[in-house]
Amino acid sequence: MEQRSQAMQDKNIQLYGKLIADDYMSRGRTKKDVVSEMQHLFQSFHTIQMETHHRKIRILADGHAECEQSYSLKVYADGDWRNITHREQVFLHYEHDAWKIIAGL
């Protein structure tokens, strides 16, 4: 989850994509959809700052985990800062020695 925040702040789409499981599916959106949306976000804003708060991680059976957290996203574009605060529930799976996001974005 920290790598995701860093990828967003660095606007590093390659790192962001590596954090998403190839079989990601959530709300009818695939990995390709999520990465494409994030690429658009990266191009839309000059600066992105992301801070997470109140994170709770539950390790589940069979290499799965659930992360609940709040995040504050501060973006800069057109000479103006915009703030977004949101609570999310992200699901992960441990595969090939790394945690991958499988749903929830």
N, C-alpha and C. Protein backbone atom coordinates (compact mmCIF):
# COMPACT_ATOMS: atom_id res chain seq x y z
N MET A 1 0.82 -1.18 0.00
CA MET A 1 0.00 0.00 0.00
C MET A 1 0.88 1.26 0.00
N GLU A 2 2.01 1.17 0.68
CA GLU A 2 2.93 2.32 0.66
C GLU A 2 3.51 2.52 -0.74
N GLN A 3 3.77 1.42 -1.44
CA GLN A 3 4.30 1.52 -2.80
C GLN A 3 3.27 2.18 -3.72
N ARG A 4 2.00 1.91 -3.49
CA ARG A 4 0.95 2.54 -4.29
C ARG A 4 0.95 4.05 -4.07
N SER A 5 1.04 4.48 -2.82
CA SER A 5 1.11 5.91 -2.52
C SER A 5 2.31 6.54 -3.20
N GLN A 6 3.45 5.86 -3.12
CA GLN A 6 4.67 6.38 -3.74
C GLN A 6 4.54 6.46 -5.26
N ALA A 7 3.97 5.43 -5.86
CA ALA A 7 3.77 5.43 -7.31
C ALA A 7 2.89 6.59 -7.74
N MET A 8 1.87 6.89 -6.94
CA MET A 8 0.99 8.01 -7.28
C MET A 8 1.73 9.33 -7.14
N GLN A 9 2.47 9.51 -6.08
CA GLN A 9 3.20 10.76 -5.88
C GLN A 9 4.27 10.97 -6.94
N ASP A 10 4.91 9.88 -7.35
CA ASP A 10 5.94 9.95 -8.39
C ASP A 10 5.35 9.94 -9.80
N LYS A 11 4.05 9.71 -9.89
CA LYS A 11 3.35 9.55 -11.17
C LYS A 11 4.06 8.48 -12.02
N ASN A 12 4.37 7.35 -11.35
CA ASN A 12 5.11 6.25 -11.96
C ASN A 12 4.12 5.16 -12.36
N ILE A 13 3.69 5.19 -13.59
CA ILE A 13 2.65 4.25 -14.06
C ILE A 13 3.18 2.82 -14.13
N GLN A 14 4.48 2.65 -14.38
CA GLN A 14 5.04 1.30 -14.43
C GLN A 14 4.97 0.64 -13.06
N LEU A 15 5.39 1.36 -12.02
CA LEU A 15 5.29 0.82 -10.67
C LEU A 15 3.84 0.58 -10.27
N TYR A 16 2.98 1.53 -10.57
CA TYR A 16 1.56 1.38 -10.24
C TYR A 16 1.00 0.11 -10.88
N GLY A 17 1.31 -0.10 -12.15
CA GLY A 17 0.81 -1.29 -12.85
C GLY A 17 1.31 -2.59 -12.26
N LYS A 18 2.56 -2.60 -11.76
CA LYS A 18 3.12 -3.81 -11.16
C LYS A 18 2.41 -4.19 -9.85
N LEU A 19 1.76 -3.23 -9.22
CA LEU A 19 1.08 -3.49 -7.95
C LEU A 19 -0.31 -4.09 -8.13
N ILE A 20 -0.81 -4.08 -9.35
CA ILE A 20 -2.15 -4.58 -9.66
C ILE A 20 -2.03 -5.99 -10.25
N ALA A 21 -2.81 -6.91 -9.71
CA ALA A 21 -2.80 -8.29 -10.22
C ALA A 21 -3.32 -8.33 -11.65
N ASP A 22 -2.75 -9.22 -12.45
CA ASP A 22 -3.19 -9.36 -13.84
C ASP A 22 -4.66 -9.72 -13.94
N ASP A 23 -5.18 -10.46 -12.94
CA ASP A 23 -6.59 -10.87 -12.97
C ASP A 23 -7.48 -9.93 -12.15
N TYR A 24 -7.02 -8.71 -11.91
CA TYR A 24 -7.81 -7.72 -11.16
C TYR A 24 -9.19 -7.59 -11.79
N MET A 25 -10.22 -7.58 -10.92
CA MET A 25 -11.58 -7.34 -11.39
C MET A 25 -12.36 -6.74 -10.23
N SER A 26 -12.89 -5.55 -10.45
CA SER A 26 -13.69 -4.90 -9.43
C SER A 26 -14.64 -3.91 -10.08
N ARG A 27 -15.90 -4.03 -9.78
CA ARG A 27 -16.93 -3.15 -10.32
C ARG A 27 -16.88 -3.10 -11.85
N GLY A 28 -16.64 -4.26 -12.46
CA GLY A 28 -16.60 -4.37 -13.91
C GLY A 28 -15.34 -3.80 -14.54
N ARG A 29 -14.34 -3.46 -13.74
CA ARG A 29 -13.11 -2.87 -14.25
C ARG A 29 -11.96 -3.86 -14.12
N THR A 30 -11.15 -3.94 -15.16
CA THR A 30 -9.99 -4.83 -15.21
C THR A 30 -8.73 -4.05 -14.85
N LYS A 31 -7.61 -4.75 -14.79
CA LYS A 31 -6.32 -4.10 -14.57
C LYS A 31 -6.08 -3.05 -15.64
N LYS A 32 -6.35 -3.38 -16.87
CA LYS A 32 -6.14 -2.44 -17.97
C LYS A 32 -6.94 -1.16 -17.76
N ASP A 33 -8.17 -1.29 -17.32
CA ASP A 33 -9.02 -0.12 -17.05
C ASP A 33 -8.45 0.75 -15.94
N VAL A 34 -8.05 0.11 -14.84
CA VAL A 34 -7.53 0.84 -13.67
C VAL A 34 -6.24 1.57 -14.03
N VAL A 35 -5.34 0.90 -14.71
CA VAL A 35 -4.06 1.51 -15.09
C VAL A 35 -4.31 2.66 -16.07
N SER A 36 -5.22 2.48 -17.00
CA SER A 36 -5.55 3.54 -17.95
C SER A 36 -6.13 4.76 -17.24
N GLU A 37 -7.02 4.54 -16.28
CA GLU A 37 -7.59 5.64 -15.51
C GLU A 37 -6.51 6.39 -14.73
N MET A 38 -5.58 5.63 -14.16
CA MET A 38 -4.51 6.26 -13.38
C MET A 38 -3.58 7.04 -14.30
N GLN A 39 -3.28 6.52 -15.47
CA GLN A 39 -2.45 7.24 -16.44
C GLN A 39 -3.10 8.58 -16.80
N HIS A 40 -4.41 8.57 -16.99
CA HIS A 40 -5.14 9.81 -17.29
C HIS A 40 -5.02 10.79 -16.12
N LEU A 41 -5.16 10.29 -14.89
CA LEU A 41 -5.01 11.13 -13.70
C LEU A 41 -3.61 11.74 -13.64
N PHE A 42 -2.59 10.93 -13.89
CA PHE A 42 -1.21 11.40 -13.86
C PHE A 42 -1.00 12.53 -14.89
N GLN A 43 -1.61 12.40 -16.04
CA GLN A 43 -1.45 13.40 -17.09
C GLN A 43 -2.26 14.66 -16.80
N SER A 44 -3.32 14.53 -16.01
CA SER A 44 -4.22 15.65 -15.74
C SER A 44 -3.70 16.61 -14.68
N PHE A 45 -2.83 16.14 -13.79
CA PHE A 45 -2.39 16.95 -12.67
C PHE A 45 -0.88 17.09 -12.65
N HIS A 46 -0.43 18.28 -12.38
CA HIS A 46 1.01 18.57 -12.32
C HIS A 46 1.65 17.89 -11.13
N THR A 47 0.99 17.95 -9.96
CA THR A 47 1.52 17.38 -8.73
C THR A 47 0.42 16.57 -8.05
N ILE A 48 0.80 15.42 -7.51
CA ILE A 48 -0.13 14.56 -6.76
C ILE A 48 0.53 14.23 -5.42
N GLN A 49 -0.20 14.46 -4.35
CA GLN A 49 0.27 14.08 -3.02
C GLN A 49 -0.78 13.16 -2.40
N MET A 50 -0.35 12.03 -1.86
CA MET A 50 -1.28 11.09 -1.26
C MET A 50 -0.80 10.72 0.14
N GLU A 51 -1.70 10.84 1.10
CA GLU A 51 -1.43 10.43 2.47
C GLU A 51 -2.52 9.46 2.90
N THR A 52 -2.11 8.39 3.58
CA THR A 52 -3.08 7.41 4.07
C THR A 52 -3.23 7.56 5.58
N HIS A 53 -4.42 7.20 6.07
CA HIS A 53 -4.73 7.34 7.49
C HIS A 53 -5.56 6.13 7.95
N HIS A 54 -5.45 5.81 9.21
CA HIS A 54 -6.32 4.81 9.85
C HIS A 54 -6.36 3.50 9.07
N ARG A 55 -5.20 2.99 8.73
CA ARG A 55 -5.10 1.74 7.96
C ARG A 55 -5.29 0.54 8.88
N LYS A 56 -6.12 -0.39 8.45
CA LYS A 56 -6.30 -1.67 9.12
C LYS A 56 -6.12 -2.76 8.08
N ILE A 57 -5.21 -3.70 8.36
CA ILE A 57 -4.97 -4.80 7.44
C ILE A 57 -5.34 -6.10 8.14
N ARG A 58 -6.13 -6.91 7.46
CA ARG A 58 -6.51 -8.23 7.98
C ARG A 58 -5.93 -9.29 7.03
N ILE A 59 -5.14 -10.17 7.59
CA ILE A 59 -4.61 -11.29 6.81
C ILE A 59 -5.67 -12.39 6.83
N LEU A 60 -6.07 -12.85 5.68
CA LEU A 60 -7.11 -13.87 5.53
C LEU A 60 -6.47 -15.18 5.09
N ALA A 61 -7.29 -16.16 4.83
CA ALA A 61 -6.81 -17.49 4.41
C ALA A 61 -6.29 -17.46 2.97
N ASP A 62 -5.48 -18.44 2.65
CA ASP A 62 -5.00 -18.69 1.28
C ASP A 62 -4.27 -17.51 0.65
N GLY A 63 -3.47 -16.79 1.43
CA GLY A 63 -2.67 -15.72 0.87
C GLY A 63 -3.44 -14.47 0.49
N HIS A 64 -4.58 -14.26 1.10
CA HIS A 64 -5.38 -13.08 0.82
C HIS A 64 -5.32 -12.11 2.00
N ALA A 65 -5.57 -10.85 1.73
CA ALA A 65 -5.62 -9.83 2.77
C ALA A 65 -6.62 -8.76 2.37
N GLU A 66 -7.08 -8.04 3.37
CA GLU A 66 -8.01 -6.95 3.16
C GLU A 66 -7.43 -5.72 3.86
N CYS A 67 -7.42 -4.61 3.18
CA CYS A 67 -6.90 -3.37 3.75
C CYS A 67 -8.01 -2.32 3.69
N GLU A 68 -8.32 -1.76 4.86
CA GLU A 68 -9.24 -0.63 4.93
C GLU A 68 -8.43 0.57 5.36
N GLN A 69 -8.62 1.67 4.67
CA GLN A 69 -7.89 2.88 5.01
C GLN A 69 -8.61 4.11 4.45
N SER A 70 -8.28 5.24 5.01
CA SER A 70 -8.70 6.51 4.45
C SER A 70 -7.49 7.11 3.76
N TYR A 71 -7.73 7.89 2.73
CA TYR A 71 -6.63 8.60 2.11
C TYR A 71 -7.04 10.02 1.76
N SER A 72 -6.05 10.87 1.77
CA SER A 72 -6.21 12.25 1.34
C SER A 72 -5.38 12.42 0.09
N LEU A 73 -6.02 12.87 -0.96
CA LEU A 73 -5.34 13.09 -2.23
C LEU A 73 -5.39 14.59 -2.50
N LYS A 74 -4.22 15.16 -2.67
CA LYS A 74 -4.10 16.59 -2.95
C LYS A 74 -3.46 16.70 -4.33
N VAL A 75 -4.15 17.35 -5.26
CA VAL A 75 -3.66 17.45 -6.63
C VAL A 75 -3.57 18.92 -7.05
N TYR A 76 -2.60 19.21 -7.90
CA TYR A 76 -2.36 20.58 -8.36
C TYR A 76 -2.49 20.63 -9.88
N ALA A 77 -3.36 21.52 -10.35
CA ALA A 77 -3.52 21.72 -11.78
C ALA A 77 -4.10 23.10 -12.02
N ASP A 78 -3.72 23.70 -13.10
CA ASP A 78 -4.24 25.02 -13.50
C ASP A 78 -4.09 26.05 -12.40
N GLY A 79 -2.97 26.00 -11.67
CA GLY A 79 -2.69 26.98 -10.63
C GLY A 79 -3.53 26.85 -9.37
N ASP A 80 -4.14 25.68 -9.18
CA ASP A 80 -5.03 25.50 -8.04
C ASP A 80 -4.85 24.11 -7.43
N TRP A 81 -4.90 24.04 -6.10
CA TRP A 81 -4.87 22.76 -5.38
C TRP A 81 -6.29 22.26 -5.17
N ARG A 82 -6.48 20.97 -5.32
CA ARG A 82 -7.77 20.33 -5.06
C ARG A 82 -7.54 19.19 -4.08
N ASN A 83 -8.50 19.00 -3.17
CA ASN A 83 -8.37 17.97 -2.13
C ASN A 83 -9.51 16.97 -2.23
N ILE A 84 -9.15 15.71 -2.06
CA ILE A 84 -10.13 14.61 -2.05
C ILE A 84 -9.80 13.75 -0.84
N THR A 85 -10.81 13.42 -0.06
CA THR A 85 -10.63 12.48 1.04
C THR A 85 -11.62 11.34 0.82
N HIS A 86 -11.14 10.12 0.99
CA HIS A 86 -11.98 8.96 0.69
C HIS A 86 -11.60 7.80 1.61
N ARG A 87 -12.55 6.94 1.89
CA ARG A 87 -12.31 5.69 2.62
C ARG A 87 -12.41 4.57 1.60
N GLU A 88 -11.48 3.61 1.65
CA GLU A 88 -11.49 2.52 0.68
C GLU A 88 -11.24 1.18 1.35
N GLN A 89 -11.67 0.15 0.66
CA GLN A 89 -11.43 -1.23 1.08
C GLN A 89 -10.79 -1.93 -0.12
N VAL A 90 -9.52 -2.33 0.05
CA VAL A 90 -8.75 -2.92 -1.03
C VAL A 90 -8.44 -4.37 -0.67
N PHE A 91 -8.55 -5.25 -1.65
CA PHE A 91 -8.28 -6.67 -1.44
C PHE A 91 -6.99 -7.04 -2.16
N LEU A 92 -6.19 -7.86 -1.47
CA LEU A 92 -4.87 -8.23 -2.00
C LEU A 92 -4.68 -9.74 -1.98
N HIS A 93 -3.75 -10.18 -2.81
CA HIS A 93 -3.37 -11.59 -2.85
C HIS A 93 -1.85 -11.66 -2.94
N TYR A 94 -1.27 -12.58 -2.18
CA TYR A 94 0.18 -12.75 -2.18
C TYR A 94 0.55 -13.72 -3.28
N GLU A 95 1.30 -13.25 -4.27
CA GLU A 95 1.69 -14.10 -5.39
C GLU A 95 3.09 -13.73 -5.85
N HIS A 96 3.88 -14.73 -6.13
CA HIS A 96 5.26 -14.54 -6.63
C HIS A 96 6.05 -13.60 -5.71
N ASP A 97 5.98 -13.84 -4.42
CA ASP A 97 6.73 -13.08 -3.40
C ASP A 97 6.36 -11.61 -3.30
N ALA A 98 5.13 -11.27 -3.67
CA ALA A 98 4.69 -9.87 -3.55
C ALA A 98 3.17 -9.81 -3.38
N TRP A 99 2.70 -8.79 -2.68
CA TRP A 99 1.26 -8.55 -2.55
C TRP A 99 0.79 -7.78 -3.77
N LYS A 100 -0.31 -8.27 -4.37
CA LYS A 100 -0.91 -7.62 -5.55
C LYS A 100 -2.34 -7.24 -5.22
N ILE A 101 -2.78 -6.10 -5.70
CA ILE A 101 -4.15 -5.66 -5.50
C ILE A 101 -5.05 -6.40 -6.48
N ILE A 102 -6.08 -7.06 -5.94
CA ILE A 102 -6.97 -7.85 -6.80
C ILE A 102 -8.36 -7.24 -6.95
N ALA A 103 -8.72 -6.27 -6.08
CA ALA A 103 -10.03 -5.63 -6.16
C ALA A 103 -10.07 -4.43 -5.22
N GLY A 104 -11.03 -3.55 -5.48
CA GLY A 104 -11.31 -2.47 -4.55
C GLY A 104 -10.95 -1.07 -5.00
N LEU A 105 -10.19 -0.92 -6.06
CA LEU A 105 -9.80 0.43 -6.48
C LEU A 105 -10.91 1.10 -7.27
